[in-house]
Amino acid sequence: MGPEQVVVLGRHAMEAALWTAAPILVVAAAVSILISIMQTITSIQDPTISTVPRIGAAAGAIFLLMHWTVRHLVGYTIRLFSDFHTLAR
């Protein structure tokens, strides 16, 4: 396996990780921004008020996007193993 193939495999792995994690991170960031705005408006600066909803939103996003995430990762794994014979040379 040459260096070009290693770079291609690494790039595909990074893309799969990005597509898998991005929706969850976007949800957590949006909830964090909303909570920060609410904390600024109400002058309540308790750390648990920002942490618990963010964890809940991320857990909800993981639960709701589980089917899409698993389907995406299975597709990546199938593509990886289908091209494995060309990489093993």
C-alpha atoms as a PDB file:
ATOM      1  CA  MET A   1       0.000   0.000   0.000  1.00  0.00           C
ATOM      2  CA  GLY A   2       1.473   3.298  -1.084  1.00  0.00           C
ATOM      3  CA  PRO A   3       1.369   6.639   0.676  1.00  0.00           C
ATOM      4  CA  GLU A   4      -1.344   7.901  -1.674  1.00  0.00           C
ATOM      5  CA  GLN A   5      -3.660   5.089  -0.640  1.00  0.00           C
ATOM      6  CA  VAL A   6      -3.003   5.769   3.034  1.00  0.00           C
ATOM      7  CA  VAL A   7      -3.852   9.431   2.505  1.00  0.00           C
ATOM      8  CA  VAL A   8      -7.061   8.515   0.668  1.00  0.00           C
ATOM      9  CA  LEU A   9      -8.084   6.083   3.422  1.00  0.00           C
ATOM     10  CA  GLY A  10      -7.355   8.692   6.080  1.00  0.00           C
ATOM     11  CA  ARG A  11      -9.332  11.332   4.209  1.00  0.00           C
ATOM     12  CA  HIS A  12     -12.336   9.039   3.857  1.00  0.00           C
ATOM     13  CA  ALA A  13     -12.160   8.137   7.545  1.00  0.00           C
ATOM     14  CA  MET A  14     -12.038  11.831   8.505  1.00  0.00           C
ATOM     15  CA  GLU A  15     -15.003  12.580   6.235  1.00  0.00           C
ATOM     16  CA  ALA A  16     -17.011   9.755   7.799  1.00  0.00           C
ATOM     17  CA  ALA A  17     -16.175  11.036  11.290  1.00  0.00           C
ATOM     18  CA  LEU A  18     -17.115  14.585  10.303  1.00  0.00           C
ATOM     19  CA  TRP A  19     -20.451  13.588   8.775  1.00  0.00           C
ATOM     20  CA  THR A  20     -21.222  11.461  11.807  1.00  0.00           C
ATOM     21  CA  ALA A  21     -20.370  14.038  14.483  1.00  0.00           C
ATOM     22  CA  ALA A  22     -21.364  17.307  12.779  1.00  0.00           C
ATOM     23  CA  PRO A  23     -25.161  17.148  13.315  1.00  0.00           C
ATOM     24  CA  ILE A  24     -24.755  16.381  17.013  1.00  0.00           C
ATOM     25  CA  LEU A  25     -22.205  19.176  17.447  1.00  0.00           C
ATOM     26  CA  VAL A  26     -24.452  21.643  15.612  1.00  0.00           C
ATOM     27  CA  VAL A  27     -27.385  20.800  17.902  1.00  0.00           C
ATOM     28  CA  ALA A  28     -25.208  21.158  21.007  1.00  0.00           C
ATOM     29  CA  ALA A  29     -23.817  24.486  19.766  1.00  0.00           C
ATOM     30  CA  ALA A  30     -27.282  25.858  18.949  1.00  0.00           C
ATOM     31  CA  VAL A  31     -28.607  24.878  22.379  1.00  0.00           C
ATOM     32  CA  SER A  32     -25.524  26.413  24.021  1.00  0.00           C
ATOM     33  CA  ILE A  33     -26.068  29.704  22.203  1.00  0.00           C
ATOM     34  CA  LEU A  34     -29.745  29.811  23.160  1.00  0.00           C
ATOM     35  CA  ILE A  35     -28.958  29.050  26.790  1.00  0.00           C
ATOM     36  CA  SER A  36     -26.199  31.670  26.846  1.00  0.00           C
ATOM     37  CA  ILE A  37     -28.616  34.261  25.511  1.00  0.00           C
ATOM     38  CA  MET A  38     -31.197  33.303  28.126  1.00  0.00           C
ATOM     39  CA  GLN A  39     -28.575  33.438  30.885  1.00  0.00           C
ATOM     40  CA  THR A  40     -27.465  36.864  29.730  1.00  0.00           C
ATOM     41  CA  ILE A  41     -31.035  38.147  29.681  1.00  0.00           C
ATOM     42  CA  THR A  42     -31.908  36.752  33.117  1.00  0.00           C
ATOM     43  CA  SER A  43     -28.462  37.248  34.743  1.00  0.00           C
ATOM     44  CA  ILE A  44     -28.472  33.680  36.050  1.00  0.00           C
ATOM     45  CA  GLN A  45     -24.953  32.252  35.742  1.00  0.00           C
ATOM     46  CA  ASP A  46     -25.348  28.743  37.151  1.00  0.00           C
ATOM     47  CA  PRO A  47     -23.180  26.198  35.253  1.00  0.00           C
ATOM     48  CA  THR A  48     -25.714  23.380  35.619  1.00  0.00           C
ATOM     49  CA  ILE A  49     -28.316  25.435  33.779  1.00  0.00           C
ATOM     50  CA  SER A  50     -26.113  25.385  30.687  1.00  0.00           C
ATOM     51  CA  THR A  51     -24.718  21.861  31.017  1.00  0.00           C
ATOM     52  CA  VAL A  52     -27.834  19.763  31.566  1.00  0.00           C
ATOM     53  CA  PRO A  53     -29.853  21.022  28.554  1.00  0.00           C
ATOM     54  CA  ARG A  54     -26.792  20.721  26.297  1.00  0.00           C
ATOM     55  CA  ILE A  55     -26.279  17.101  27.336  1.00  0.00           C
ATOM     56  CA  GLY A  56     -29.988  16.425  26.893  1.00  0.00           C
ATOM     57  CA  ALA A  57     -30.041  18.003  23.436  1.00  0.00           C
ATOM     58  CA  ALA A  58     -26.971  16.033  22.358  1.00  0.00           C
ATOM     59  CA  ALA A  59     -28.503  12.799  23.682  1.00  0.00           C
ATOM     60  CA  GLY A  60     -31.754  13.567  21.865  1.00  0.00           C
ATOM     61  CA  ALA A  61     -29.881  14.298  18.641  1.00  0.00           C
ATOM     62  CA  ILE A  62     -27.958  11.042  18.983  1.00  0.00           C
ATOM     63  CA  PHE A  63     -31.212   9.151  19.529  1.00  0.00           C
ATOM     64  CA  LEU A  64     -33.026  10.822  16.626  1.00  0.00           C
ATOM     65  CA  LEU A  65     -30.093  10.549  14.192  1.00  0.00           C
ATOM     66  CA  MET A  66     -29.083   7.008  15.155  1.00  0.00           C
ATOM     67  CA  HIS A  67     -30.633   5.437  12.049  1.00  0.00           C
ATOM     68  CA  TRP A  68     -28.924   7.905   9.687  1.00  0.00           C
ATOM     69  CA  THR A  69     -25.579   7.608  11.489  1.00  0.00           C
ATOM     70  CA  VAL A  70     -25.563   3.815  11.451  1.00  0.00           C
ATOM     71  CA  ARG A  71     -26.588   3.753   7.787  1.00  0.00           C
ATOM     72  CA  HIS A  72     -23.805   6.201   6.922  1.00  0.00           C
ATOM     73  CA  LEU A  73     -21.161   4.236   8.844  1.00  0.00           C
ATOM     74  CA  VAL A  74     -22.322   0.915   7.366  1.00  0.00           C
ATOM     75  CA  GLY A  75     -22.049   2.425   3.883  1.00  0.00           C
ATOM     76  CA  TYR A  76     -18.535   3.629   4.684  1.00  0.00           C
ATOM     77  CA  THR A  77     -17.556   0.185   5.980  1.00  0.00           C
ATOM     78  CA  ILE A  78     -18.983  -1.563   2.921  1.00  0.00           C
ATOM     79  CA  ARG A  79     -17.093   0.808   0.603  1.00  0.00           C
ATOM     80  CA  LEU A  80     -13.921   0.244   2.625  1.00  0.00           C
ATOM     81  CA  PHE A  81     -14.158  -3.547   2.467  1.00  0.00           C
ATOM     82  CA  SER A  82     -15.238  -3.587  -1.187  1.00  0.00           C
ATOM     83  CA  ASP A  83     -12.063  -1.686  -2.118  1.00  0.00           C
ATOM     84  CA  PHE A  84      -9.914  -3.735   0.228  1.00  0.00           C
ATOM     85  CA  HIS A  85      -8.630  -6.085  -2.501  1.00  0.00           C
ATOM     86  CA  THR A  86      -7.074  -3.136  -4.359  1.00  0.00           C
ATOM     87  CA  LEU A  87      -5.496  -1.821  -1.152  1.00  0.00           C
ATOM     88  CA  ALA A  88      -4.005  -5.150  -0.112  1.00  0.00           C
ATOM     89  CA  ARG A  89      -1.668  -5.304  -3.104  1.00  0.00           C
END
